[in-house]
């Protein structure tokens, strides 16, 4: 609704577009249709390479949702990163404490 209201007021002219693109397909599958993306509003449009013209607007791709397994895997990887960061900080902490203890011994 907000998108249609915005377009009703400002009307993007779609003058600035990306270079024509073709989605990747599996080997042996027929090639997918080419499209361009408006750099101002982000909408996709069919593109005819032979006529060098933009066509009708393409519906936005369906949103990709993470499954529970993907979420769990992401959580595990983030925990692993934090664990490794904490583990790598231990030598730095040890060196700082060692340097401070040497300073305090020299001051005595």
N, C-alpha and C. Protein backbone atom coordinates (compact mmCIF):
# COMPACT_ATOMS: atom_id res chain seq x y z
N UNK A 1 0.82 -1.19 0.00
CA UNK A 1 0.00 0.00 0.00
C UNK A 1 0.87 1.26 0.00
N UNK A 2 1.87 1.27 0.86
CA UNK A 2 2.76 2.44 0.92
C UNK A 2 3.49 2.60 -0.41
N UNK A 3 3.88 1.46 -1.01
CA UNK A 3 4.57 1.51 -2.30
C UNK A 3 3.68 2.12 -3.37
N UNK A 4 2.41 1.72 -3.43
CA UNK A 4 1.50 2.27 -4.45
C UNK A 4 1.22 3.74 -4.18
N UNK A 5 1.13 4.13 -2.91
CA UNK A 5 0.93 5.54 -2.57
C UNK A 5 2.15 6.37 -2.97
N UNK A 6 3.34 5.84 -2.72
CA UNK A 6 4.57 6.53 -3.10
C UNK A 6 4.63 6.71 -4.62
N UNK A 7 4.32 5.64 -5.36
CA UNK A 7 4.36 5.72 -6.83
C UNK A 7 3.29 6.66 -7.37
N UNK A 8 2.16 6.76 -6.70
CA UNK A 8 1.10 7.66 -7.14
C UNK A 8 1.55 9.12 -6.99
N UNK A 9 2.33 9.41 -5.97
CA UNK A 9 2.76 10.78 -5.71
C UNK A 9 4.02 11.12 -6.53
N UNK A 10 5.04 10.26 -6.48
CA UNK A 10 6.33 10.60 -7.07
C UNK A 10 6.59 9.96 -8.43
N UNK A 11 5.99 8.85 -8.74
CA UNK A 11 6.13 8.17 -10.02
C UNK A 11 7.58 8.01 -10.48
N UNK A 12 8.17 6.88 -10.13
CA UNK A 12 9.54 6.60 -10.57
C UNK A 12 9.53 6.42 -12.09
N UNK A 13 10.45 7.06 -12.77
CA UNK A 13 10.49 6.98 -14.23
C UNK A 13 11.30 5.78 -14.73
N UNK A 14 11.98 5.08 -13.84
CA UNK A 14 12.79 3.91 -14.17
C UNK A 14 13.81 4.22 -15.27
N UNK A 15 14.42 5.37 -15.20
CA UNK A 15 15.43 5.77 -16.19
C UNK A 15 16.78 5.11 -15.91
N UNK A 16 17.12 4.97 -14.63
CA UNK A 16 18.41 4.38 -14.26
C UNK A 16 18.19 2.89 -13.96
N UNK A 17 18.68 2.03 -14.85
CA UNK A 17 18.50 0.60 -14.65
C UNK A 17 19.84 -0.11 -14.68
N UNK A 18 19.83 -1.31 -14.15
CA UNK A 18 21.04 -2.14 -14.17
C UNK A 18 21.26 -2.68 -15.58
N UNK A 19 22.41 -3.28 -15.80
CA UNK A 19 22.67 -3.96 -17.06
C UNK A 19 21.75 -5.18 -17.10
N UNK A 20 21.25 -5.58 -18.27
CA UNK A 20 20.37 -6.75 -18.34
C UNK A 20 21.03 -7.98 -17.74
N UNK A 21 20.26 -8.71 -16.95
CA UNK A 21 20.76 -9.89 -16.25
C UNK A 21 19.89 -11.08 -16.58
N UNK A 22 20.46 -12.26 -16.42
CA UNK A 22 19.71 -13.50 -16.60
C UNK A 22 19.97 -14.36 -15.37
N UNK A 23 18.92 -14.82 -14.71
CA UNK A 23 19.13 -15.66 -13.52
C UNK A 23 19.87 -16.94 -13.88
N UNK A 24 20.65 -17.44 -12.96
CA UNK A 24 21.39 -18.68 -13.18
C UNK A 24 20.42 -19.85 -13.26
N UNK A 25 20.70 -20.78 -14.17
CA UNK A 25 19.88 -21.98 -14.31
C UNK A 25 20.79 -23.19 -14.26
N UNK A 26 20.20 -24.34 -14.02
CA UNK A 26 20.97 -25.58 -13.98
C UNK A 26 21.35 -25.98 -15.40
N UNK A 27 22.46 -26.68 -15.55
CA UNK A 27 22.88 -27.11 -16.88
C UNK A 27 21.80 -27.97 -17.54
N UNK A 28 21.55 -27.70 -18.80
CA UNK A 28 20.54 -28.45 -19.55
C UNK A 28 19.16 -27.83 -19.49
N UNK A 29 18.93 -26.94 -18.54
CA UNK A 29 17.62 -26.29 -18.42
C UNK A 29 17.56 -25.12 -19.40
N UNK A 30 16.36 -24.79 -19.88
CA UNK A 30 16.27 -23.64 -20.79
C UNK A 30 16.66 -22.35 -20.06
N UNK A 31 17.26 -21.40 -20.78
CA UNK A 31 17.69 -20.16 -20.12
C UNK A 31 16.48 -19.36 -19.62
N UNK A 32 16.67 -18.72 -18.49
CA UNK A 32 15.60 -17.90 -17.92
C UNK A 32 15.53 -16.57 -18.67
N UNK A 33 14.42 -15.87 -18.48
CA UNK A 33 14.25 -14.59 -19.17
C UNK A 33 15.13 -13.52 -18.56
N UNK A 34 15.56 -12.62 -19.40
CA UNK A 34 16.41 -11.52 -18.94
C UNK A 34 15.55 -10.46 -18.26
N UNK A 35 16.19 -9.73 -17.36
CA UNK A 35 15.50 -8.66 -16.66
C UNK A 35 16.48 -7.55 -16.32
N UNK A 36 15.93 -6.37 -16.02
CA UNK A 36 16.71 -5.25 -15.52
C UNK A 36 16.08 -4.82 -14.21
N UNK A 37 16.86 -4.14 -13.39
CA UNK A 37 16.38 -3.65 -12.10
C UNK A 37 16.51 -2.14 -12.08
N UNK A 38 15.46 -1.46 -11.69
CA UNK A 38 15.51 0.00 -11.56
C UNK A 38 16.39 0.33 -10.35
N UNK A 39 17.39 1.16 -10.55
CA UNK A 39 18.32 1.49 -9.47
C UNK A 39 17.73 2.48 -8.48
N UNK A 40 16.61 3.11 -8.82
CA UNK A 40 15.97 4.07 -7.92
C UNK A 40 14.94 3.40 -7.01
N UNK A 41 14.08 2.56 -7.60
CA UNK A 41 13.00 1.98 -6.78
C UNK A 41 13.18 0.49 -6.53
N UNK A 42 14.08 -0.19 -7.26
CA UNK A 42 14.36 -1.60 -7.01
C UNK A 42 13.42 -2.57 -7.70
N UNK A 43 12.52 -2.11 -8.55
CA UNK A 43 11.60 -3.01 -9.23
C UNK A 43 12.30 -3.69 -10.40
N UNK A 44 11.83 -4.92 -10.70
CA UNK A 44 12.38 -5.69 -11.80
C UNK A 44 11.46 -5.61 -13.01
N UNK A 45 12.06 -5.57 -14.19
CA UNK A 45 11.29 -5.51 -15.42
C UNK A 45 11.87 -6.50 -16.42
N UNK A 46 10.98 -7.14 -17.21
CA UNK A 46 11.44 -8.00 -18.30
C UNK A 46 12.28 -7.15 -19.25
N UNK A 47 13.25 -7.78 -19.90
CA UNK A 47 14.08 -7.06 -20.85
C UNK A 47 14.20 -7.88 -22.13
N UNK A 48 13.90 -7.26 -23.26
CA UNK A 48 14.02 -7.90 -24.56
C UNK A 48 15.37 -7.51 -25.14
N UNK A 49 16.30 -8.47 -25.23
CA UNK A 49 17.66 -8.20 -25.67
C UNK A 49 17.69 -7.81 -27.15
N UNK A 50 16.84 -8.42 -27.96
CA UNK A 50 16.86 -8.12 -29.39
C UNK A 50 16.27 -6.74 -29.69
N UNK A 51 15.23 -6.37 -28.98
CA UNK A 51 14.61 -5.05 -29.18
C UNK A 51 15.29 -3.97 -28.32
N UNK A 52 16.06 -4.44 -27.33
CA UNK A 52 16.72 -3.53 -26.37
C UNK A 52 15.70 -2.62 -25.68
N UNK A 53 14.65 -3.25 -25.16
CA UNK A 53 13.59 -2.50 -24.49
C UNK A 53 13.15 -3.20 -23.21
N UNK A 54 12.73 -2.37 -22.27
CA UNK A 54 12.15 -2.89 -21.04
C UNK A 54 10.72 -3.30 -21.31
N UNK A 55 10.30 -4.35 -20.62
CA UNK A 55 8.93 -4.82 -20.75
C UNK A 55 8.14 -4.58 -19.48
N UNK A 56 7.23 -5.48 -19.21
CA UNK A 56 6.36 -5.39 -18.04
C UNK A 56 7.13 -5.66 -16.76
N UNK A 57 6.56 -5.19 -15.67
CA UNK A 57 7.17 -5.40 -14.37
C UNK A 57 7.05 -6.86 -13.98
N UNK A 58 8.08 -7.39 -13.35
CA UNK A 58 8.10 -8.76 -12.85
C UNK A 58 7.70 -8.72 -11.39
N UNK A 59 6.89 -9.67 -10.98
CA UNK A 59 6.52 -9.76 -9.57
C UNK A 59 7.78 -10.01 -8.74
N UNK A 60 7.86 -9.42 -7.55
CA UNK A 60 9.06 -9.64 -6.73
C UNK A 60 9.20 -11.11 -6.37
N UNK A 61 10.43 -11.58 -6.22
CA UNK A 61 10.63 -12.99 -5.87
C UNK A 61 10.06 -13.27 -4.48
N UNK A 62 9.58 -14.49 -4.25
CA UNK A 62 9.03 -14.80 -2.93
C UNK A 62 10.11 -14.70 -1.87
N UNK A 63 9.74 -14.24 -0.68
CA UNK A 63 10.76 -14.13 0.38
C UNK A 63 11.25 -15.51 0.78
N UNK A 64 12.53 -15.57 1.07
CA UNK A 64 13.10 -16.83 1.54
C UNK A 64 13.07 -16.84 3.06
N UNK A 65 12.54 -17.90 3.61
CA UNK A 65 12.43 -18.02 5.05
C UNK A 65 13.43 -19.06 5.53
N UNK A 66 14.01 -18.81 6.66
CA UNK A 66 14.93 -19.77 7.25
C UNK A 66 14.13 -20.88 7.92
N UNK A 67 14.58 -22.10 7.74
CA UNK A 67 13.95 -23.21 8.45
C UNK A 67 14.54 -23.25 9.86
N UNK A 68 13.97 -24.08 10.69
CA UNK A 68 14.49 -24.20 12.06
C UNK A 68 15.93 -24.72 12.04
N UNK A 69 16.20 -25.62 11.09
CA UNK A 69 17.57 -26.15 11.01
C UNK A 69 18.55 -25.05 10.63
N UNK A 70 18.16 -24.18 9.69
CA UNK A 70 19.03 -23.08 9.31
C UNK A 70 19.26 -22.14 10.48
N UNK A 71 18.20 -21.85 11.23
CA UNK A 71 18.33 -20.96 12.38
C UNK A 71 19.24 -21.58 13.44
N UNK A 72 19.06 -22.89 13.66
CA UNK A 72 19.90 -23.56 14.66
C UNK A 72 21.35 -23.56 14.22
N UNK A 73 21.58 -23.81 12.92
CA UNK A 73 22.95 -23.83 12.40
C UNK A 73 23.58 -22.44 12.53
N UNK A 74 22.80 -21.41 12.24
CA UNK A 74 23.31 -20.05 12.35
C UNK A 74 23.65 -19.73 13.81
N UNK A 75 22.79 -20.17 14.73
CA UNK A 75 23.04 -19.94 16.15
C UNK A 75 24.31 -20.64 16.61
N UNK A 76 24.51 -21.88 16.14
CA UNK A 76 25.72 -22.61 16.52
C UNK A 76 26.96 -21.93 15.97
N UNK A 77 26.88 -21.44 14.74
CA UNK A 77 28.07 -20.81 14.16
C UNK A 77 28.38 -19.50 14.88
N UNK A 78 27.35 -18.76 15.30
CA UNK A 78 27.61 -17.52 16.03
C UNK A 78 28.21 -17.82 17.40
N UNK A 79 27.75 -18.88 18.06
CA UNK A 79 28.33 -19.25 19.35
C UNK A 79 29.78 -19.66 19.16
N UNK A 80 30.07 -20.36 18.06
CA UNK A 80 31.43 -20.79 17.80
C UNK A 80 32.34 -19.57 17.58
N UNK A 81 31.84 -18.57 16.87
CA UNK A 81 32.64 -17.37 16.63
C UNK A 81 32.94 -16.67 17.94
N UNK A 82 31.94 -16.53 18.81
CA UNK A 82 32.16 -15.87 20.10
C UNK A 82 33.13 -16.67 20.97
N UNK A 83 33.01 -18.00 20.93
CA UNK A 83 33.92 -18.83 21.71
C UNK A 83 35.35 -18.65 21.23
N UNK A 84 35.55 -18.67 19.90
CA UNK A 84 36.90 -18.51 19.36
C UNK A 84 37.45 -17.11 19.64
N UNK A 85 36.59 -16.10 19.62
CA UNK A 85 37.04 -14.75 19.93
C UNK A 85 37.50 -14.66 21.39
N UNK A 86 36.72 -15.26 22.28
CA UNK A 86 37.09 -15.24 23.70
C UNK A 86 38.38 -16.04 23.92
N UNK A 87 38.49 -17.16 23.23
CA UNK A 87 39.68 -17.99 23.37
C UNK A 87 40.92 -17.27 22.85
N UNK A 88 40.78 -16.54 21.77
CA UNK A 88 41.93 -15.82 21.23
C UNK A 88 42.32 -14.62 22.09
N UNK A 89 41.40 -14.13 22.92
CA UNK A 89 41.71 -12.99 23.78
C UNK A 89 42.51 -13.40 25.01
N UNK A 90 42.51 -14.67 25.36
CA UNK A 90 43.22 -15.13 26.56
C UNK A 90 44.71 -14.81 26.53
N UNK A 91 45.44 -15.08 25.45
CA UNK A 91 46.87 -14.72 25.46
C UNK A 91 47.10 -13.23 25.64
N UNK A 92 46.23 -12.41 25.08
CA UNK A 92 46.37 -10.96 25.22
C UNK A 92 46.17 -10.56 26.68
N UNK A 93 45.17 -11.15 27.31
CA UNK A 93 44.92 -10.86 28.73
C UNK A 93 46.11 -11.30 29.56
N UNK A 94 46.65 -12.47 29.27
CA UNK A 94 47.80 -12.98 30.02
C UNK A 94 48.99 -12.03 29.86
N UNK A 95 49.25 -11.55 28.62
CA UNK A 95 50.37 -10.64 28.39
C UNK A 95 50.20 -9.32 29.13
N UNK A 96 49.00 -8.79 29.15
CA UNK A 96 48.74 -7.52 29.83
C UNK A 96 48.95 -7.69 31.33
N UNK A 97 48.46 -8.79 31.89
CA UNK A 97 48.65 -9.02 33.33
C UNK A 97 50.13 -9.22 33.66
N UNK A 98 50.84 -9.91 32.78
CA UNK A 98 52.26 -10.14 32.99
C UNK A 98 53.02 -8.81 32.97
N UNK A 99 52.67 -7.94 32.01
CA UNK A 99 53.33 -6.64 31.91
C UNK A 99 53.02 -5.79 33.15
N UNK A 100 51.81 -5.82 33.62
CA UNK A 100 51.45 -5.05 34.82
C UNK A 100 52.14 -5.58 36.05
N UNK A 101 52.28 -6.90 36.17
CA UNK A 101 52.95 -7.45 37.35
C UNK A 101 54.44 -7.10 37.33
N UNK A 102 55.05 -7.07 36.14
CA UNK A 102 56.47 -6.68 36.03
C UNK A 102 56.64 -5.23 36.41
N UNK A 103 55.71 -4.37 36.05
CA UNK A 103 55.80 -2.95 36.41
C UNK A 103 55.69 -2.77 37.92
N UNK A 104 54.78 -3.52 38.54
CA UNK A 104 54.59 -3.37 39.98
C UNK A 104 55.82 -3.89 40.75
N UNK A 105 56.49 -4.95 40.25
CA UNK A 105 57.68 -5.46 40.90
C UNK A 105 58.84 -4.48 40.79
N UNK A 106 58.95 -3.79 39.65
CA UNK A 106 60.03 -2.83 39.46
C UNK A 106 59.83 -1.59 40.34
N UNK A 107 58.58 -1.23 40.60
CA UNK A 107 58.30 -0.05 41.42
C UNK A 107 58.61 -0.30 42.89
N UNK A 108 58.58 -1.54 43.32
CA UNK A 108 58.85 -1.86 44.73
C UNK A 108 60.27 -1.76 45.09
